[in-house]
């Protein structure tokens, strides 16, 4: 499955693309059942909550078929290869289980970040940037309005940060997020079975959850097969790892 030219132009402009109904109900239900069974049987160790929030809930499930099938038995893998290049995506054998529980205090607005930066609980070593090529988010629950734990994005910031890193070097990210003016944030609403494809360098965050429901999401991080050699270069040349975008980029930049 390939994206349309209109979808590619949206991805070029915004740095992300929503893919409605891309995941079958069967796959959604299998993943949700596995997560709920884990929560019921394994529970959540309060001591580990900060790690689960930063890394993954239900860590014993992250490499199980109920989770990985969301990527490999849906059109998403073909879409990723059509954008990055056939045979150019490293194997993906686990996903992040990202739950956002309701809060009893007023919901907080999202704060922008780039993945792969060191924090106390995310497992990234200090002094290292674990960047990658693409982020795929899959929603297992309905998110009909803002402040339901929405995945949130600042459109166009992939290109904004490209310019910043060209001037200040990619390694400047080790000192913290770039100090640049950002566009308005968009809290992404969705139905169960929707997905979002994001460029790595897109500023994104999570809105607080003031609803009565848990937000269920699964995230996969994709790397180009040559990413280790390109890891810094692709931050100042953001389409370096996106072979399937080249013709669309040329059209957009004419």
C-alpha atoms as a PDB file:
ATOM      1  CA  UNK A   1       0.000   0.000   0.000  1.00  0.00           C
ATOM      2  CA  UNK A   2       1.283   3.435  -0.956  1.00  0.00           C
ATOM      3  CA  UNK A   3       0.194   6.859   0.167  1.00  0.00           C
ATOM      4  CA  UNK A   4      -1.355   9.268  -2.290  1.00  0.00           C
ATOM      5  CA  UNK A   5       0.527  12.318  -3.523  1.00  0.00           C
ATOM      6  CA  UNK A   6      -1.793  14.499  -1.457  1.00  0.00           C
ATOM      7  CA  UNK A   7      -0.926  12.503   1.672  1.00  0.00           C
ATOM      8  CA  UNK A   8       2.792  12.764   0.932  1.00  0.00           C
ATOM      9  CA  UNK A   9       2.499  16.513   0.499  1.00  0.00           C
ATOM     10  CA  UNK A  10       0.738  16.727   3.869  1.00  0.00           C
ATOM     11  CA  UNK A  11       3.515  14.674   5.441  1.00  0.00           C
ATOM     12  CA  UNK A  12       6.157  16.905   3.844  1.00  0.00           C
ATOM     13  CA  UNK A  13       4.440  20.055   5.129  1.00  0.00           C
ATOM     14  CA  UNK A  14       3.366  18.956   8.601  1.00  0.00           C
ATOM     15  CA  UNK A  15       5.792  16.170   9.494  1.00  0.00           C
ATOM     16  CA  UNK A  16       2.952  13.814  10.399  1.00  0.00           C
ATOM     17  CA  UNK A  17      -0.019  12.158   8.753  1.00  0.00           C
ATOM     18  CA  UNK A  18      -3.121  10.665  10.321  1.00  0.00           C
ATOM     19  CA  UNK A  19      -4.233   7.343   8.809  1.00  0.00           C
ATOM     20  CA  UNK A  20      -7.887   6.743   9.720  1.00  0.00           C
ATOM     21  CA  UNK A  21      -9.140   3.170  10.139  1.00  0.00           C
ATOM     22  CA  UNK A  22      -5.858   1.591   9.060  1.00  0.00           C
ATOM     23  CA  UNK A  23      -5.957  -1.105  11.779  1.00  0.00           C
ATOM     24  CA  UNK A  24      -8.659  -3.780  11.721  1.00  0.00           C
ATOM     25  CA  UNK A  25     -11.037  -4.198  14.647  1.00  0.00           C
ATOM     26  CA  UNK A  26      -9.665  -7.725  15.152  1.00  0.00           C
ATOM     27  CA  UNK A  27      -6.117  -6.459  15.680  1.00  0.00           C
ATOM     28  CA  UNK A  28      -7.306  -3.626  17.920  1.00  0.00           C
ATOM     29  CA  UNK A  29      -9.294  -6.036  20.087  1.00  0.00           C
ATOM     30  CA  UNK A  30      -6.446  -8.559  20.340  1.00  0.00           C
ATOM     31  CA  UNK A  31      -4.030  -5.896  21.546  1.00  0.00           C
ATOM     32  CA  UNK A  32      -6.524  -4.320  23.948  1.00  0.00           C
ATOM     33  CA  UNK A  33      -7.457  -7.720  25.400  1.00  0.00           C
ATOM     34  CA  UNK A  34      -3.808  -8.601  25.986  1.00  0.00           C
ATOM     35  CA  UNK A  35      -3.143  -5.281  27.722  1.00  0.00           C
ATOM     36  CA  UNK A  36      -6.237  -5.499  29.927  1.00  0.00           C
ATOM     37  CA  UNK A  37      -5.421  -9.104  30.854  1.00  0.00           C
ATOM     38  CA  UNK A  38      -1.928  -8.038  31.838  1.00  0.00           C
ATOM     39  CA  UNK A  39      -3.237  -5.162  33.960  1.00  0.00           C
ATOM     40  CA  UNK A  40      -5.658  -7.553  35.669  1.00  0.00           C
ATOM     41  CA  UNK A  41      -3.175 -10.355  36.247  1.00  0.00           C
ATOM     42  CA  UNK A  42       0.136  -8.562  36.680  1.00  0.00           C
ATOM     43  CA  UNK A  43      -1.101  -5.256  38.063  1.00  0.00           C
ATOM     44  CA  UNK A  44       1.070  -2.145  38.139  1.00  0.00           C
ATOM     45  CA  UNK A  45       3.893  -1.809  40.616  1.00  0.00           C
ATOM     46  CA  UNK A  46       3.604   1.791  41.902  1.00  0.00           C
ATOM     47  CA  UNK A  47       7.378   1.959  42.322  1.00  0.00           C
ATOM     48  CA  UNK A  48       7.818   1.318  38.591  1.00  0.00           C
ATOM     49  CA  UNK A  49       5.175   3.800  37.398  1.00  0.00           C
ATOM     50  CA  UNK A  50       7.700   6.499  36.388  1.00  0.00           C
ATOM     51  CA  UNK A  51       9.523   3.944  34.218  1.00  0.00           C
ATOM     52  CA  UNK A  52       6.308   2.596  32.708  1.00  0.00           C
ATOM     53  CA  UNK A  53       5.194   6.130  31.816  1.00  0.00           C
ATOM     54  CA  UNK A  54       8.513   6.853  30.103  1.00  0.00           C
ATOM     55  CA  UNK A  55       9.201   3.451  28.531  1.00  0.00           C
ATOM     56  CA  UNK A  56       6.253   1.044  28.358  1.00  0.00           C
ATOM     57  CA  UNK A  57       3.435  -0.382  30.393  1.00  0.00           C
ATOM     58  CA  UNK A  58       3.025  -4.167  30.393  1.00  0.00           C
ATOM     59  CA  UNK A  59       6.689  -4.711  29.434  1.00  0.00           C
ATOM     60  CA  UNK A  60       6.194  -8.473  29.184  1.00  0.00           C
ATOM     61  CA  UNK A  61       3.885  -7.873  26.187  1.00  0.00           C
ATOM     62  CA  UNK A  62       5.940  -5.484  24.059  1.00  0.00           C
ATOM     63  CA  UNK A  63       7.352  -8.220  21.780  1.00  0.00           C
ATOM     64  CA  UNK A  64       4.257 -10.440  21.699  1.00  0.00           C
ATOM     65  CA  UNK A  65       2.201 -10.934  18.494  1.00  0.00           C
ATOM     66  CA  UNK A  66      -0.828  -9.157  19.967  1.00  0.00           C
ATOM     67  CA  UNK A  67       1.302  -5.976  19.882  1.00  0.00           C
ATOM     68  CA  UNK A  68       3.661  -6.487  16.932  1.00  0.00           C
ATOM     69  CA  UNK A  69       0.830  -7.668  14.652  1.00  0.00           C
ATOM     70  CA  UNK A  70      -0.482  -4.103  14.723  1.00  0.00           C
ATOM     71  CA  UNK A  71       2.508  -3.184  12.568  1.00  0.00           C
ATOM     72  CA  UNK A  72       3.191  -6.364  10.648  1.00  0.00           C
ATOM     73  CA  UNK A  73      -0.336  -7.619   9.908  1.00  0.00           C
ATOM     74  CA  UNK A  74      -1.735  -4.232   8.959  1.00  0.00           C
ATOM     75  CA  UNK A  75      -0.910  -1.998   5.966  1.00  0.00           C
ATOM     76  CA  UNK A  76       1.455   0.062   8.125  1.00  0.00           C
ATOM     77  CA  UNK A  77       4.636  -1.865   7.351  1.00  0.00           C
ATOM     78  CA  UNK A  78       4.052  -1.568   3.608  1.00  0.00           C
ATOM     79  CA  UNK A  79       3.361   2.141   4.003  1.00  0.00           C
ATOM     80  CA  UNK A  80       6.573   2.615   5.979  1.00  0.00           C
ATOM     81  CA  UNK A  81       8.612   0.794   3.339  1.00  0.00           C
ATOM     82  CA  UNK A  82       6.969   2.775   0.554  1.00  0.00           C
ATOM     83  CA  UNK A  83       8.109   5.977   2.276  1.00  0.00           C
ATOM     84  CA  UNK A  84      11.551   4.953   3.584  1.00  0.00           C
ATOM     85  CA  UNK A  85      12.434   2.386   0.920  1.00  0.00           C
ATOM     86  CA  UNK A  86      11.672  -1.265   0.250  1.00  0.00           C
ATOM     87  CA  UNK A  87      14.017  -3.355   2.357  1.00  0.00           C
ATOM     88  CA  UNK A  88      15.430  -0.195   3.936  1.00  0.00           C
ATOM     89  CA  UNK A  89      13.713  -0.436   7.345  1.00  0.00           C
ATOM     90  CA  UNK A  90      15.392  -2.350  10.137  1.00  0.00           C
ATOM     91  CA  UNK A  91      13.327  -5.197  11.630  1.00  0.00           C
ATOM     92  CA  UNK A  92      10.920  -4.089  14.357  1.00  0.00           C
ATOM     93  CA  UNK A  93      10.151  -6.699  17.003  1.00  0.00           C
ATOM     94  CA  UNK A  94       8.580  -4.720  19.823  1.00  0.00           C
ATOM     95  CA  UNK A  95       6.287  -1.772  20.446  1.00  0.00           C
ATOM     96  CA  UNK A  96       5.791   0.677  23.279  1.00  0.00           C
ATOM     97  CA  UNK A  97       2.527   0.268  25.195  1.00  0.00           C
ATOM     98  CA  UNK A  98       1.586   3.834  26.090  1.00  0.00           C
ATOM     99  CA  UNK A  99      -1.358   4.215  28.455  1.00  0.00           C
ATOM    100  CA  UNK A 100      -2.542   7.579  29.710  1.00  0.00           C
ATOM    101  CA  UNK A 101      -4.728   7.334  32.786  1.00  0.00           C
ATOM    102  CA  UNK A 102      -7.345   9.898  33.835  1.00  0.00           C
ATOM    103  CA  UNK A 103      -6.231  12.554  36.302  1.00  0.00           C
ATOM    104  CA  UNK A 104      -8.351  14.101  39.042  1.00  0.00           C
ATOM    105  CA  UNK A 105      -6.598  17.463  38.732  1.00  0.00           C
ATOM    106  CA  UNK A 106      -6.954  19.813  35.737  1.00  0.00           C
ATOM    107  CA  UNK A 107      -5.396  18.355  32.610  1.00  0.00           C
ATOM    108  CA  UNK A 108      -2.035  19.798  31.622  1.00  0.00           C
ATOM    109  CA  UNK A 109      -1.305  21.004  28.086  1.00  0.00           C
ATOM    110  CA  UNK A 110       1.276  19.026  26.134  1.00  0.00           C
ATOM    111  CA  UNK A 111       4.950  20.009  26.249  1.00  0.00           C
ATOM    112  CA  UNK A 112       7.092  19.523  23.122  1.00  0.00           C
ATOM    113  CA  UNK A 113       9.964  17.076  22.978  1.00  0.00           C
ATOM    114  CA  UNK A 114      11.982  14.942  20.590  1.00  0.00           C
ATOM    115  CA  UNK A 115      12.401  11.267  21.404  1.00  0.00           C
ATOM    116  CA  UNK A 116      15.779   9.817  22.257  1.00  0.00           C
ATOM    117  CA  UNK A 117      16.866  12.524  24.703  1.00  0.00           C
ATOM    118  CA  UNK A 118      18.063  11.404  28.150  1.00  0.00           C
ATOM    119  CA  UNK A 119      15.636  11.631  31.063  1.00  0.00           C
ATOM    120  CA  UNK A 120      15.771  10.024  34.475  1.00  0.00           C
ATOM    121  CA  UNK A 121      13.432   7.155  33.574  1.00  0.00           C
ATOM    122  CA  UNK A 122      13.479   6.591  29.811  1.00  0.00           C
ATOM    123  CA  UNK A 123      16.570   4.384  29.605  1.00  0.00           C
ATOM    124  CA  UNK A 124      18.555   6.682  27.272  1.00  0.00           C
ATOM    125  CA  UNK A 125      22.105   7.157  28.615  1.00  0.00           C
ATOM    126  CA  UNK A 126      23.182  10.681  29.507  1.00  0.00           C
ATOM    127  CA  UNK A 127      25.217  12.327  26.761  1.00  0.00           C
ATOM    128  CA  UNK A 128      23.488  10.359  24.006  1.00  0.00           C
ATOM    129  CA  UNK A 129      20.745  11.058  21.462  1.00  0.00           C
ATOM    130  CA  UNK A 130      18.908   7.913  20.355  1.00  0.00           C
ATOM    131  CA  UNK A 131      17.252   9.375  17.296  1.00  0.00           C
ATOM    132  CA  UNK A 132      15.556   7.272  14.620  1.00  0.00           C
ATOM    133  CA  UNK A 133      13.728   7.646  11.314  1.00  0.00           C
ATOM    134  CA  UNK A 134       9.978   7.430  11.873  1.00  0.00           C
ATOM    135  CA  UNK A 135       7.447   7.094  14.659  1.00  0.00           C
ATOM    136  CA  UNK A 136       4.196   5.212  14.151  1.00  0.00           C
ATOM    137  CA  UNK A 137       1.450   5.642  16.730  1.00  0.00           C
ATOM    138  CA  UNK A 138      -1.615   3.386  16.825  1.00  0.00           C
ATOM    139  CA  UNK A 139      -4.711   4.275  18.825  1.00  0.00           C
ATOM    140  CA  UNK A 140      -6.653   1.444  20.454  1.00  0.00           C
ATOM    141  CA  UNK A 141      -9.300   3.667  22.060  1.00  0.00           C
ATOM    142  CA  UNK A 142     -11.494   6.526  20.867  1.00  0.00           C
ATOM    143  CA  UNK A 143     -10.111  10.020  21.476  1.00  0.00           C
ATOM    144  CA  UNK A 144     -12.956  12.294  20.285  1.00  0.00           C
ATOM    145  CA  UNK A 145     -11.843  15.570  21.860  1.00  0.00           C
ATOM    146  CA  UNK A 146      -8.878  17.378  23.400  1.00  0.00           C
ATOM    147  CA  UNK A 147      -7.384  16.545  26.795  1.00  0.00           C
ATOM    148  CA  UNK A 148      -8.015  12.821  26.621  1.00  0.00           C
ATOM    149  CA  UNK A 149      -4.306  11.991  26.717  1.00  0.00           C
ATOM    150  CA  UNK A 150      -4.040  13.002  23.060  1.00  0.00           C
ATOM    151  CA  UNK A 151      -0.862  12.513  21.097  1.00  0.00           C
ATOM    152  CA  UNK A 152      -0.074  16.102  20.147  1.00  0.00           C
ATOM    153  CA  UNK A 153       2.103  17.588  17.417  1.00  0.00           C
ATOM    154  CA  UNK A 154       3.534  20.950  16.436  1.00  0.00           C
ATOM    155  CA  UNK A 155       3.089  20.923  12.624  1.00  0.00           C
ATOM    156  CA  UNK A 156       6.129  21.784  10.526  1.00  0.00           C
ATOM    157  CA  UNK A 157       8.644  21.624  13.346  1.00  0.00           C
ATOM    158  CA  UNK A 158      10.609  18.879  11.588  1.00  0.00           C
ATOM    159  CA  UNK A 159      11.682  21.504   9.044  1.00  0.00           C
ATOM    160  CA  UNK A 160      12.073  24.197  11.700  1.00  0.00           C
ATOM    161  CA  UNK A 161      14.482  21.998  13.667  1.00  0.00           C
ATOM    162  CA  UNK A 162      16.320  21.026  10.500  1.00  0.00           C
ATOM    163  CA  UNK A 163      17.202  24.714  10.005  1.00  0.00           C
ATOM    164  CA  UNK A 164      18.137  25.062  13.666  1.00  0.00           C
ATOM    165  CA  UNK A 165      20.466  22.059  13.641  1.00  0.00           C
ATOM    166  CA  UNK A 166      22.117  23.238  10.435  1.00  0.00           C
ATOM    167  CA  UNK A 167      23.091  26.387  12.294  1.00  0.00           C
ATOM    168  CA  UNK A 168      23.765  24.983  15.771  1.00  0.00           C
ATOM    169  CA  UNK A 169      24.715  21.317  14.958  1.00  0.00           C
ATOM    170  CA  UNK A 170      22.625  18.252  15.823  1.00  0.00           C
ATOM    171  CA  UNK A 171      24.717  17.709  18.943  1.00  0.00           C
ATOM    172  CA  UNK A 172      23.243  20.910  20.386  1.00  0.00           C
ATOM    173  CA  UNK A 173      20.198  18.779  21.254  1.00  0.00           C
ATOM    174  CA  UNK A 174      22.299  17.344  24.074  1.00  0.00           C
ATOM    175  CA  UNK A 175      21.868  20.713  25.815  1.00  0.00           C
ATOM    176  CA  UNK A 176      18.077  20.588  25.614  1.00  0.00           C
ATOM    177  CA  UNK A 177      15.289  21.373  23.173  1.00  0.00           C
ATOM    178  CA  UNK A 178      16.008  24.161  20.665  1.00  0.00           C
ATOM    179  CA  UNK A 179      14.918  27.601  21.847  1.00  0.00           C
ATOM    180  CA  UNK A 180      12.761  28.548  18.876  1.00  0.00           C
ATOM    181  CA  UNK A 181       9.257  29.929  18.440  1.00  0.00           C
ATOM    182  CA  UNK A 182       6.794  27.095  17.782  1.00  0.00           C
ATOM    183  CA  UNK A 183       3.518  27.018  15.848  1.00  0.00           C
ATOM    184  CA  UNK A 184       0.247  26.189  17.578  1.00  0.00           C
ATOM    185  CA  UNK A 185       0.026  22.647  18.902  1.00  0.00           C
ATOM    186  CA  UNK A 186      -2.533  20.207  17.487  1.00  0.00           C
ATOM    187  CA  UNK A 187      -4.060  17.618  19.824  1.00  0.00           C
ATOM    188  CA  UNK A 188      -4.845  14.679  17.540  1.00  0.00           C
ATOM    189  CA  UNK A 189      -8.295  13.177  17.895  1.00  0.00           C
ATOM    190  CA  UNK A 190      -8.843   9.617  16.732  1.00  0.00           C
ATOM    191  CA  UNK A 191     -10.983   6.521  16.728  1.00  0.00           C
ATOM    192  CA  UNK A 192      -9.762   3.073  17.708  1.00  0.00           C
ATOM    193  CA  UNK A 193      -7.913   1.708  14.675  1.00  0.00           C
ATOM    194  CA  UNK A 194      -6.516   5.045  13.517  1.00  0.00           C
ATOM    195  CA  UNK A 195      -2.769   5.572  13.297  1.00  0.00           C
ATOM    196  CA  UNK A 196      -0.352   8.436  12.814  1.00  0.00           C
ATOM    197  CA  UNK A 197       2.936   8.391  10.899  1.00  0.00           C
ATOM    198  CA  UNK A 198       5.474  10.955  12.120  1.00  0.00           C
ATOM    199  CA  UNK A 199       8.907  12.118  11.079  1.00  0.00           C
ATOM    200  CA  UNK A 200      11.390  11.611  13.918  1.00  0.00           C
ATOM    201  CA  UNK A 201      12.201  15.309  14.092  1.00  0.00           C
ATOM    202  CA  UNK A 202       8.624  16.450  14.686  1.00  0.00           C
ATOM    203  CA  UNK A 203       8.061  18.133  18.060  1.00  0.00           C
ATOM    204  CA  UNK A 204       5.372  16.169  19.855  1.00  0.00           C
ATOM    205  CA  UNK A 205       3.959  15.560  23.310  1.00  0.00           C
ATOM    206  CA  UNK A 206       1.051  14.148  25.287  1.00  0.00           C
ATOM    207  CA  UNK A 207      -1.894  16.160  26.565  1.00  0.00           C
ATOM    208  CA  UNK A 208      -3.273  15.501  30.009  1.00  0.00           C
ATOM    209  CA  UNK A 209      -6.293  13.236  30.359  1.00  0.00           C
ATOM    210  CA  UNK A 210      -9.321  14.840  32.002  1.00  0.00           C
ATOM    211  CA  UNK A 211     -11.738  12.229  30.642  1.00  0.00           C
ATOM    212  CA  UNK A 212     -13.094   9.162  32.435  1.00  0.00           C
ATOM    213  CA  UNK A 213     -11.307   6.723  30.092  1.00  0.00           C
ATOM    214  CA  UNK A 214      -7.810   5.345  29.728  1.00  0.00           C
ATOM    215  CA  UNK A 215      -6.121   6.277  26.472  1.00  0.00           C
ATOM    216  CA  UNK A 216      -4.598   3.173  24.880  1.00  0.00           C
ATOM    217  CA  UNK A 217      -1.803   3.667  22.368  1.00  0.00           C
ATOM    218  CA  UNK A 218       1.015   1.633  20.831  1.00  0.00           C
ATOM    219  CA  UNK A 219       4.120   3.271  19.374  1.00  0.00           C
ATOM    220  CA  UNK A 220       6.731   1.809  17.055  1.00  0.00           C
ATOM    221  CA  UNK A 221      10.070   3.462  16.271  1.00  0.00           C
ATOM    222  CA  UNK A 222      11.511   2.694  12.849  1.00  0.00           C
ATOM    223  CA  UNK A 223      15.121   3.024  11.746  1.00  0.00           C
ATOM    224  CA  UNK A 224      16.622   3.096   8.272  1.00  0.00           C
ATOM    225  CA  UNK A 225      19.070   0.235   7.708  1.00  0.00           C
ATOM    226  CA  UNK A 226      21.947   2.742   7.480  1.00  0.00           C
ATOM    227  CA  UNK A 227      20.746   4.871  10.366  1.00  0.00           C
ATOM    228  CA  UNK A 228      23.799   4.357  12.549  1.00  0.00           C
ATOM    229  CA  UNK A 229      26.000   5.904   9.864  1.00  0.00           C
ATOM    230  CA  UNK A 230      23.482   8.672   9.102  1.00  0.00           C
ATOM    231  CA  UNK A 231      22.245   9.445  12.632  1.00  0.00           C
ATOM    232  CA  UNK A 232      23.652  13.012  12.769  1.00  0.00           C
ATOM    233  CA  UNK A 233      23.484  13.816   9.068  1.00  0.00           C
ATOM    234  CA  UNK A 234      19.765  13.042   8.891  1.00  0.00           C
ATOM    235  CA  UNK A 235      19.048  15.764  11.467  1.00  0.00           C
ATOM    236  CA  UNK A 236      20.325  18.447   9.077  1.00  0.00           C
ATOM    237  CA  UNK A 237      19.021  16.664   5.962  1.00  0.00           C
ATOM    238  CA  UNK A 238      15.673  15.388   7.227  1.00  0.00           C
ATOM    239  CA  UNK A 239      14.682  13.480   4.071  1.00  0.00           C
ATOM    240  CA  UNK A 240      17.997  11.619   3.782  1.00  0.00           C
ATOM    241  CA  UNK A 241      16.367   8.353   4.915  1.00  0.00           C
ATOM    242  CA  UNK A 242      13.105   8.766   2.972  1.00  0.00           C
ATOM    243  CA  UNK A 243      13.618   7.408  -0.542  1.00  0.00           C
ATOM    244  CA  UNK A 244       9.876   7.248  -1.201  1.00  0.00           C
ATOM    245  CA  UNK A 245       9.463  10.963  -0.527  1.00  0.00           C
ATOM    246  CA  UNK A 246      12.009  12.292  -3.000  1.00  0.00           C
ATOM    247  CA  UNK A 247       9.685  12.945  -5.966  1.00  0.00           C
ATOM    248  CA  UNK A 248       7.118  14.593  -3.691  1.00  0.00           C
ATOM    249  CA  UNK A 249       9.791  16.803  -2.147  1.00  0.00           C
ATOM    250  CA  UNK A 250      10.876  17.952  -5.582  1.00  0.00           C
ATOM    251  CA  UNK A 251       7.289  18.854  -6.444  1.00  0.00           C
ATOM    252  CA  UNK A 252       6.821  20.718  -3.162  1.00  0.00           C
ATOM    253  CA  UNK A 253      10.007  22.727  -3.563  1.00  0.00           C
ATOM    254  CA  UNK A 254       9.601  23.807  -7.186  1.00  0.00           C
END
